[in-house]
Amino acid sequence: MPVNKDALLESNHRFFAVETNNLAWDYISSPAKLTIDDEEAMISAAFASLFHWSAVGQPIHRGRAYGTIARALIKADNERMLALHYAKKYRALCDDEGAEDWDLAFAEAAIARAFGAIGNETEARKHKSLATEAIDRIRDAEDRKICEADMKLGPWFDV
């Protein structure tokens, strides 16, 4: 019997929309203080739920997913620390095979902005300088131009 791929995809989207929503709410409703890894999982689940509901749900399902995202971000005590957490993860992956020369510039800029957001001006300035140095080493002129334009955008938190 042939598999109806569209029906299977729709079924999978529905399944994961519900499961990721429930996972996010397990974290949101937990009375325990969440670790930064738990916060990452909670927020990832909330956004995953939105992704899946956007594929198969009604507008109200997306609305509910937006509400879940809002609650997850409110529950996360470490919103700005999460920005630093993700920026550092990006930077760590820049050392792996497959990263482009411009990845390092974007990663260092992300770290600089995150440190600025949490008020660590010393580290923010250091990583902003590292981002600028990385831009200078980008071989492709168009890629360098894109990174330079990004550096002109905020927020930099007075760094």
N, C-alpha and C. Protein backbone atom coordinates (compact mmCIF):
# COMPACT_ATOMS: atom_id res chain seq x y z
N MET A 1 0.85 -1.18 0.00
CA MET A 1 0.00 0.00 0.00
C MET A 1 0.90 1.24 0.00
N PRO A 2 0.70 2.16 -0.94
CA PRO A 2 1.53 3.36 -1.01
C PRO A 2 1.25 4.30 0.17
N VAL A 3 2.30 4.96 0.60
CA VAL A 3 2.19 5.90 1.71
C VAL A 3 1.80 7.27 1.17
N ASN A 4 0.80 7.87 1.79
CA ASN A 4 0.42 9.23 1.43
C ASN A 4 1.34 10.16 2.21
N LYS A 5 2.36 10.68 1.53
CA LYS A 5 3.38 11.49 2.21
C LYS A 5 2.81 12.77 2.79
N ASP A 6 1.84 13.38 2.11
CA ASP A 6 1.25 14.61 2.65
C ASP A 6 0.50 14.35 3.95
N ALA A 7 -0.25 13.26 3.97
CA ALA A 7 -0.99 12.91 5.19
C ALA A 7 -0.03 12.56 6.32
N LEU A 8 1.04 11.85 5.98
CA LEU A 8 2.04 11.49 6.98
C LEU A 8 2.72 12.76 7.53
N LEU A 9 3.07 13.68 6.65
CA LEU A 9 3.71 14.92 7.09
C LEU A 9 2.76 15.72 7.99
N GLU A 10 1.49 15.81 7.58
CA GLU A 10 0.52 16.53 8.40
C GLU A 10 0.36 15.87 9.77
N SER A 11 0.29 14.56 9.79
CA SER A 11 0.17 13.82 11.04
C SER A 11 1.39 14.06 11.93
N ASN A 12 2.56 14.04 11.34
CA ASN A 12 3.79 14.28 12.11
C ASN A 12 3.83 15.71 12.66
N HIS A 13 3.42 16.68 11.84
CA HIS A 13 3.38 18.06 12.33
C HIS A 13 2.44 18.18 13.53
N ARG A 14 1.26 17.57 13.42
CA ARG A 14 0.30 17.62 14.53
C ARG A 14 0.88 16.97 15.79
N PHE A 15 1.46 15.81 15.61
CA PHE A 15 2.04 15.10 16.74
C PHE A 15 3.10 15.97 17.42
N PHE A 16 4.04 16.51 16.65
CA PHE A 16 5.11 17.29 17.25
C PHE A 16 4.64 18.65 17.75
N ALA A 17 3.60 19.20 17.16
CA ALA A 17 3.03 20.45 17.68
C ALA A 17 2.54 20.24 19.10
N VAL A 18 1.82 19.16 19.30
CA VAL A 18 1.28 18.86 20.63
C VAL A 18 2.40 18.49 21.60
N GLU A 19 3.30 17.61 21.17
CA GLU A 19 4.36 17.14 22.06
C GLU A 19 5.30 18.27 22.49
N THR A 20 5.68 19.13 21.55
CA THR A 20 6.60 20.22 21.92
C THR A 20 5.89 21.26 22.77
N ASN A 21 4.60 21.49 22.51
CA ASN A 21 3.83 22.39 23.37
C ASN A 21 3.78 21.84 24.79
N ASN A 22 3.48 20.56 24.91
CA ASN A 22 3.40 19.95 26.24
C ASN A 22 4.74 19.97 26.95
N LEU A 23 5.82 19.74 26.21
CA LEU A 23 7.15 19.80 26.81
C LEU A 23 7.44 21.21 27.33
N ALA A 24 7.14 22.21 26.51
CA ALA A 24 7.36 23.60 26.95
C ALA A 24 6.57 23.88 28.23
N TRP A 25 5.32 23.42 28.28
CA TRP A 25 4.49 23.67 29.46
C TRP A 25 4.95 22.87 30.67
N ASP A 26 5.57 21.73 30.45
CA ASP A 26 6.15 21.00 31.59
C ASP A 26 7.20 21.87 32.28
N TYR A 27 8.02 22.54 31.50
CA TYR A 27 9.03 23.44 32.06
C TYR A 27 8.38 24.68 32.67
N ILE A 28 7.45 25.28 31.92
CA ILE A 28 6.81 26.52 32.38
C ILE A 28 6.11 26.30 33.72
N SER A 29 5.45 25.18 33.88
CA SER A 29 4.68 24.93 35.09
C SER A 29 5.50 24.34 36.23
N SER A 30 6.74 24.07 35.97
CA SER A 30 7.60 23.50 37.02
C SER A 30 7.88 24.55 38.10
N PRO A 31 7.71 24.17 39.35
CA PRO A 31 8.02 25.11 40.43
C PRO A 31 9.54 25.25 40.65
N ALA A 32 10.30 24.35 40.07
CA ALA A 32 11.76 24.36 40.27
C ALA A 32 12.40 25.48 39.46
N LYS A 33 13.51 25.97 39.99
CA LYS A 33 14.32 26.93 39.23
C LYS A 33 14.99 26.15 38.11
N LEU A 34 14.87 26.66 36.89
CA LEU A 34 15.41 25.95 35.74
C LEU A 34 16.89 26.26 35.55
N THR A 35 17.62 25.27 35.10
CA THR A 35 19.01 25.51 34.70
C THR A 35 18.99 26.20 33.34
N ILE A 36 20.12 26.72 32.93
CA ILE A 36 20.18 27.37 31.63
C ILE A 36 19.90 26.37 30.51
N ASP A 37 20.32 25.12 30.69
CA ASP A 37 20.02 24.08 29.69
C ASP A 37 18.52 23.80 29.64
N ASP A 38 17.86 23.78 30.82
CA ASP A 38 16.41 23.61 30.85
C ASP A 38 15.71 24.78 30.17
N GLU A 39 16.19 25.98 30.41
CA GLU A 39 15.60 27.15 29.76
C GLU A 39 15.74 27.06 28.25
N GLU A 40 16.90 26.62 27.80
CA GLU A 40 17.12 26.45 26.36
C GLU A 40 16.12 25.43 25.80
N ALA A 41 15.95 24.31 26.49
CA ALA A 41 15.02 23.28 26.04
C ALA A 41 13.58 23.82 26.03
N MET A 42 13.21 24.56 27.07
CA MET A 42 11.86 25.10 27.17
C MET A 42 11.57 26.05 26.01
N ILE A 43 12.48 26.97 25.76
CA ILE A 43 12.28 27.95 24.70
C ILE A 43 12.32 27.28 23.33
N SER A 44 13.23 26.33 23.15
CA SER A 44 13.29 25.59 21.89
C SER A 44 11.98 24.84 21.63
N ALA A 45 11.45 24.21 22.66
CA ALA A 45 10.19 23.49 22.52
C ALA A 45 9.05 24.43 22.17
N ALA A 46 9.02 25.59 22.80
CA ALA A 46 7.95 26.55 22.52
C ALA A 46 8.01 27.01 21.06
N PHE A 47 9.20 27.32 20.57
CA PHE A 47 9.33 27.73 19.17
C PHE A 47 9.06 26.57 18.21
N ALA A 48 9.45 25.35 18.59
CA ALA A 48 9.16 24.19 17.75
C ALA A 48 7.65 23.99 17.63
N SER A 49 6.94 24.19 18.72
CA SER A 49 5.49 24.07 18.69
C SER A 49 4.89 25.09 17.70
N LEU A 50 5.37 26.31 17.74
CA LEU A 50 4.91 27.33 16.79
C LEU A 50 5.18 26.88 15.36
N PHE A 51 6.36 26.36 15.10
CA PHE A 51 6.72 25.90 13.76
C PHE A 51 5.72 24.84 13.28
N HIS A 52 5.47 23.86 14.11
CA HIS A 52 4.58 22.77 13.69
C HIS A 52 3.13 23.22 13.58
N TRP A 53 2.65 24.05 14.53
CA TRP A 53 1.28 24.54 14.42
C TRP A 53 1.12 25.45 13.21
N SER A 54 2.15 26.17 12.84
CA SER A 54 2.07 27.03 11.66
C SER A 54 1.89 26.21 10.39
N ALA A 55 2.36 24.98 10.40
CA ALA A 55 2.24 24.11 9.23
C ALA A 55 0.86 23.48 9.11
N VAL A 56 0.21 23.19 10.25
CA VAL A 56 -1.05 22.42 10.17
C VAL A 56 -2.21 23.00 10.98
N GLY A 57 -1.95 23.94 11.83
CA GLY A 57 -3.00 24.41 12.72
C GLY A 57 -3.81 25.55 12.15
N GLN A 58 -4.81 25.93 12.91
CA GLN A 58 -5.61 27.10 12.61
C GLN A 58 -4.90 28.33 13.21
N PRO A 59 -5.31 29.53 12.82
CA PRO A 59 -4.66 30.72 13.38
C PRO A 59 -4.64 30.74 14.91
N ILE A 60 -5.68 30.22 15.55
CA ILE A 60 -5.69 30.22 17.01
C ILE A 60 -4.61 29.31 17.58
N HIS A 61 -4.25 28.25 16.85
CA HIS A 61 -3.16 27.38 17.31
C HIS A 61 -1.84 28.16 17.32
N ARG A 62 -1.62 28.95 16.27
CA ARG A 62 -0.42 29.81 16.26
C ARG A 62 -0.48 30.82 17.40
N GLY A 63 -1.68 31.35 17.64
CA GLY A 63 -1.85 32.29 18.75
C GLY A 63 -1.48 31.67 20.08
N ARG A 64 -1.92 30.45 20.28
CA ARG A 64 -1.59 29.74 21.52
C ARG A 64 -0.09 29.48 21.62
N ALA A 65 0.52 29.16 20.48
CA ALA A 65 1.97 28.94 20.48
C ALA A 65 2.69 30.24 20.82
N TYR A 66 2.21 31.36 20.30
CA TYR A 66 2.82 32.65 20.67
C TYR A 66 2.72 32.87 22.17
N GLY A 67 1.57 32.52 22.73
CA GLY A 67 1.39 32.65 24.17
C GLY A 67 2.36 31.76 24.94
N THR A 68 2.58 30.55 24.43
CA THR A 68 3.53 29.64 25.08
C THR A 68 4.94 30.21 25.02
N ILE A 69 5.30 30.77 23.88
CA ILE A 69 6.62 31.40 23.75
C ILE A 69 6.77 32.53 24.76
N ALA A 70 5.74 33.37 24.85
CA ALA A 70 5.79 34.49 25.80
C ALA A 70 5.96 33.98 27.23
N ARG A 71 5.21 32.96 27.60
CA ARG A 71 5.33 32.41 28.95
C ARG A 71 6.71 31.80 29.19
N ALA A 72 7.25 31.12 28.18
CA ALA A 72 8.58 30.51 28.31
C ALA A 72 9.64 31.59 28.51
N LEU A 73 9.54 32.67 27.75
CA LEU A 73 10.53 33.75 27.89
C LEU A 73 10.40 34.44 29.24
N ILE A 74 9.18 34.55 29.74
CA ILE A 74 8.98 35.14 31.07
C ILE A 74 9.54 34.22 32.14
N LYS A 75 9.34 32.93 31.99
CA LYS A 75 9.84 31.95 32.97
C LYS A 75 11.36 31.93 33.00
N ALA A 76 11.96 32.18 31.85
CA ALA A 76 13.43 32.12 31.75
C ALA A 76 14.03 33.30 32.51
N ASP A 77 14.67 33.00 33.62
CA ASP A 77 15.33 34.05 34.39
C ASP A 77 16.56 34.57 33.65
N ASN A 78 17.05 33.76 32.76
CA ASN A 78 18.33 34.05 32.13
C ASN A 78 18.22 34.42 30.65
N GLU A 79 17.20 35.18 30.28
CA GLU A 79 17.03 35.51 28.87
C GLU A 79 18.32 36.04 28.25
N ARG A 80 18.91 37.00 28.89
CA ARG A 80 20.13 37.59 28.32
C ARG A 80 21.31 36.64 28.47
N MET A 81 21.31 35.85 29.52
CA MET A 81 22.35 34.83 29.64
C MET A 81 22.18 33.77 28.56
N LEU A 82 20.93 33.51 28.18
CA LEU A 82 20.71 32.58 27.09
C LEU A 82 21.29 33.12 25.79
N ALA A 83 21.19 34.41 25.58
CA ALA A 83 21.80 35.00 24.39
C ALA A 83 23.30 34.72 24.39
N LEU A 84 23.93 34.89 25.53
CA LEU A 84 25.36 34.60 25.64
C LEU A 84 25.62 33.11 25.45
N HIS A 85 24.77 32.29 26.03
CA HIS A 85 24.89 30.84 25.91
C HIS A 85 24.87 30.42 24.43
N TYR A 86 23.89 30.91 23.68
CA TYR A 86 23.79 30.57 22.25
C TYR A 86 24.95 31.16 21.46
N ALA A 87 25.34 32.38 21.78
CA ALA A 87 26.46 33.01 21.06
C ALA A 87 27.75 32.21 21.27
N LYS A 88 27.97 31.75 22.48
CA LYS A 88 29.17 30.95 22.75
C LYS A 88 29.09 29.59 22.05
N LYS A 89 27.90 29.02 21.96
CA LYS A 89 27.75 27.76 21.23
C LYS A 89 28.10 27.97 19.75
N TYR A 90 27.64 29.07 19.20
CA TYR A 90 27.95 29.40 17.81
C TYR A 90 29.46 29.55 17.64
N ARG A 91 30.08 30.27 18.55
CA ARG A 91 31.53 30.49 18.47
C ARG A 91 32.28 29.17 18.56
N ALA A 92 31.86 28.29 19.42
CA ALA A 92 32.53 26.99 19.56
C ALA A 92 32.43 26.19 18.27
N LEU A 93 31.31 26.30 17.59
CA LEU A 93 31.14 25.57 16.33
C LEU A 93 31.95 26.18 15.18
N CYS A 94 32.37 27.42 15.35
CA CYS A 94 33.19 28.05 14.31
C CYS A 94 34.54 27.38 14.16
N ASP A 95 34.98 26.68 15.19
CA ASP A 95 36.26 25.98 15.11
C ASP A 95 36.13 24.63 14.40
N ASP A 96 34.89 24.20 14.17
CA ASP A 96 34.66 22.93 13.49
C ASP A 96 34.76 23.10 11.98
N GLU A 97 34.94 21.98 11.32
CA GLU A 97 34.96 22.00 9.87
C GLU A 97 33.63 22.50 9.35
N GLY A 98 33.68 23.25 8.27
CA GLY A 98 32.46 23.72 7.64
C GLY A 98 32.11 25.17 7.93
N ALA A 99 32.74 25.77 8.90
CA ALA A 99 32.46 27.17 9.20
C ALA A 99 33.15 28.05 8.16
N GLU A 100 32.47 29.08 7.75
CA GLU A 100 33.03 30.04 6.81
C GLU A 100 33.82 31.09 7.60
N ASP A 101 34.68 31.84 6.91
CA ASP A 101 35.47 32.85 7.62
C ASP A 101 34.60 33.93 8.25
N TRP A 102 33.45 34.20 7.64
CA TRP A 102 32.55 35.22 8.19
C TRP A 102 31.80 34.73 9.43
N ASP A 103 31.70 33.41 9.62
CA ASP A 103 31.02 32.89 10.81
C ASP A 103 31.68 33.40 12.09
N LEU A 104 33.00 33.44 12.09
CA LEU A 104 33.72 33.89 13.28
C LEU A 104 33.37 35.33 13.62
N ALA A 105 33.26 36.17 12.60
CA ALA A 105 32.91 37.58 12.84
C ALA A 105 31.50 37.69 13.45
N PHE A 106 30.56 36.96 12.87
CA PHE A 106 29.19 37.00 13.41
C PHE A 106 29.14 36.43 14.83
N ALA A 107 29.88 35.36 15.08
CA ALA A 107 29.86 34.75 16.41
C ALA A 107 30.46 35.69 17.45
N GLU A 108 31.59 36.29 17.14
CA GLU A 108 32.21 37.22 18.09
C GLU A 108 31.32 38.44 18.33
N ALA A 109 30.66 38.91 17.28
CA ALA A 109 29.74 40.05 17.44
C ALA A 109 28.55 39.65 18.32
N ALA A 110 28.06 38.43 18.15
CA ALA A 110 26.95 37.96 18.98
C ALA A 110 27.38 37.88 20.45
N ILE A 111 28.57 37.40 20.68
CA ILE A 111 29.09 37.33 22.06
C ILE A 111 29.24 38.74 22.62
N ALA A 112 29.77 39.65 21.82
CA ALA A 112 29.94 41.03 22.29
C ALA A 112 28.60 41.65 22.68
N ARG A 113 27.61 41.48 21.83
CA ARG A 113 26.29 42.04 22.13
C ARG A 113 25.70 41.40 23.39
N ALA A 114 25.87 40.09 23.53
CA ALA A 114 25.33 39.41 24.71
C ALA A 114 26.01 39.90 25.98
N PHE A 115 27.33 40.04 25.94
CA PHE A 115 28.02 40.58 27.12
C PHE A 115 27.56 42.01 27.40
N GLY A 116 27.34 42.79 26.35
CA GLY A 116 26.82 44.14 26.53
C GLY A 116 25.45 44.13 27.19
N ALA A 117 24.62 43.18 26.77
CA ALA A 117 23.25 43.08 27.31
C ALA A 117 23.25 42.75 28.80
N ILE A 118 24.24 42.00 29.25
CA ILE A 118 24.28 41.66 30.68
C ILE A 118 25.15 42.62 31.48
N GLY A 119 25.67 43.65 30.80
CA GLY A 119 26.40 44.69 31.50
C GLY A 119 27.88 44.45 31.70
N ASN A 120 28.46 43.50 31.00
CA ASN A 120 29.89 43.23 31.12
C ASN A 120 30.60 43.94 29.98
N GLU A 121 30.89 45.23 30.20
CA GLU A 121 31.48 46.05 29.15
C GLU A 121 32.88 45.59 28.74
N THR A 122 33.65 45.11 29.69
CA THR A 122 35.01 44.67 29.38
C THR A 122 35.00 43.53 28.37
N GLU A 123 34.20 42.50 28.65
CA GLU A 123 34.11 41.36 27.72
C GLU A 123 33.43 41.78 26.42
N ALA A 124 32.45 42.66 26.50
CA ALA A 124 31.77 43.12 25.30
C ALA A 124 32.75 43.83 24.36
N ARG A 125 33.56 44.71 24.91
CA ARG A 125 34.55 45.42 24.08
C ARG A 125 35.58 44.45 23.50
N LYS A 126 36.02 43.50 24.31
CA LYS A 126 36.99 42.51 23.85
C LYS A 126 36.46 41.74 22.64
N HIS A 127 35.23 41.25 22.76
CA HIS A 127 34.67 40.44 21.67
C HIS A 127 34.26 41.29 20.47
N LYS A 128 33.91 42.54 20.70
CA LYS A 128 33.64 43.43 19.57
C LYS A 128 34.93 43.65 18.78
N SER A 129 36.03 43.80 19.49
CA SER A 129 37.33 43.94 18.83
C SER A 129 37.69 42.66 18.07
N LEU A 130 37.43 41.51 18.68
CA LEU A 130 37.69 40.24 18.00
C LEU A 130 36.83 40.10 16.75
N ALA A 131 35.60 40.59 16.80
CA ALA A 131 34.72 40.56 15.62
C ALA A 131 35.29 41.43 14.51
N THR A 132 35.77 42.61 14.87
CA THR A 132 36.36 43.51 13.88
C THR A 132 37.61 42.88 13.26
N GLU A 133 38.43 42.26 14.08
CA GLU A 133 39.62 41.59 13.57
C GLU A 133 39.24 40.44 12.63
N ALA A 134 38.20 39.72 12.98
CA ALA A 134 37.74 38.62 12.13
C ALA A 134 37.23 39.13 10.79
N ILE A 135 36.55 40.27 10.82
CA ILE A 135 36.06 40.87 9.57
C ILE A 135 37.23 41.21 8.66
N ASP A 136 38.29 41.73 9.23
CA ASP A 136 39.47 42.09 8.43
C ASP A 136 40.08 40.88 7.72
N ARG A 137 39.83 39.67 8.24
CA ARG A 137 40.40 38.46 7.65
C ARG A 137 39.44 37.76 6.67
N ILE A 138 38.26 38.32 6.45
CA ILE A 138 37.31 37.71 5.51
C ILE A 138 37.80 37.92 4.09
N ARG A 139 37.92 36.83 3.36
CA ARG A 139 38.48 36.89 2.01
C ARG A 139 37.52 37.49 0.99
N ASP A 140 36.26 37.12 1.03
CA ASP A 140 35.30 37.58 0.03
C ASP A 140 34.81 38.98 0.37
N ALA A 141 34.93 39.89 -0.58
CA ALA A 141 34.58 41.30 -0.35
C ALA A 141 33.10 41.47 -0.01
N GLU A 142 32.23 40.71 -0.67
CA GLU A 142 30.79 40.82 -0.40
C GLU A 142 30.46 40.33 1.01
N ASP A 143 31.07 39.21 1.42
CA ASP A 143 30.87 38.71 2.77
C ASP A 143 31.38 39.72 3.81
N ARG A 144 32.52 40.32 3.53
CA ARG A 144 33.08 41.32 4.44
C ARG A 144 32.13 42.52 4.56
N LYS A 145 31.58 42.93 3.44
CA LYS A 145 30.65 44.07 3.42
C LYS A 145 29.41 43.77 4.27
N ILE A 146 28.88 42.55 4.17
CA ILE A 146 27.71 42.16 4.96
C ILE A 146 28.03 42.22 6.45
N CYS A 147 29.20 41.71 6.83
CA CYS A 147 29.59 41.72 8.24
C CYS A 147 29.82 43.14 8.75
N GLU A 148 30.42 43.97 7.91
CA GLU A 148 30.64 45.37 8.32
C GLU A 148 29.30 46.07 8.53
N ALA A 149 28.32 45.79 7.66
CA ALA A 149 27.00 46.39 7.82
C ALA A 149 26.35 45.91 9.11
N ASP A 150 26.52 44.63 9.44
CA ASP A 150 25.96 44.10 10.68
C ASP A 150 26.57 44.78 11.90
N MET A 151 27.86 45.06 11.83
CA MET A 151 28.53 45.71 12.97
C MET A 151 27.98 47.12 13.22
N LYS A 152 27.39 47.72 12.20
CA LYS A 152 26.82 49.06 12.35
C LYS A 152 25.43 49.03 12.97
N LEU A 153 24.84 47.83 12.99
CA LEU A 153 23.51 47.68 13.57
C LEU A 153 23.60 47.48 15.07
N GLY A 154 22.57 47.82 15.77
CA GLY A 154 22.53 47.60 17.20
C GLY A 154 21.82 46.32 17.51
N PRO A 155 21.56 46.11 18.76
CA PRO A 155 22.01 46.95 19.86
C PRO A 155 23.42 46.58 20.33
N TRP A 156 24.15 47.60 20.72
CA TRP A 156 25.51 47.40 21.26
C TRP A 156 25.59 47.73 22.74
N PHE A 157 24.52 48.24 23.32
CA PHE A 157 24.47 48.51 24.76
C PHE A 157 25.63 49.41 25.21
N ASP A 158 25.85 50.46 24.44
CA ASP A 158 26.87 51.48 24.75
C ASP A 158 28.29 50.94 24.78
N VAL A 159 28.53 49.89 24.01
CA VAL A 159 29.89 49.34 23.96
C VAL A 159 30.59 49.90 22.73
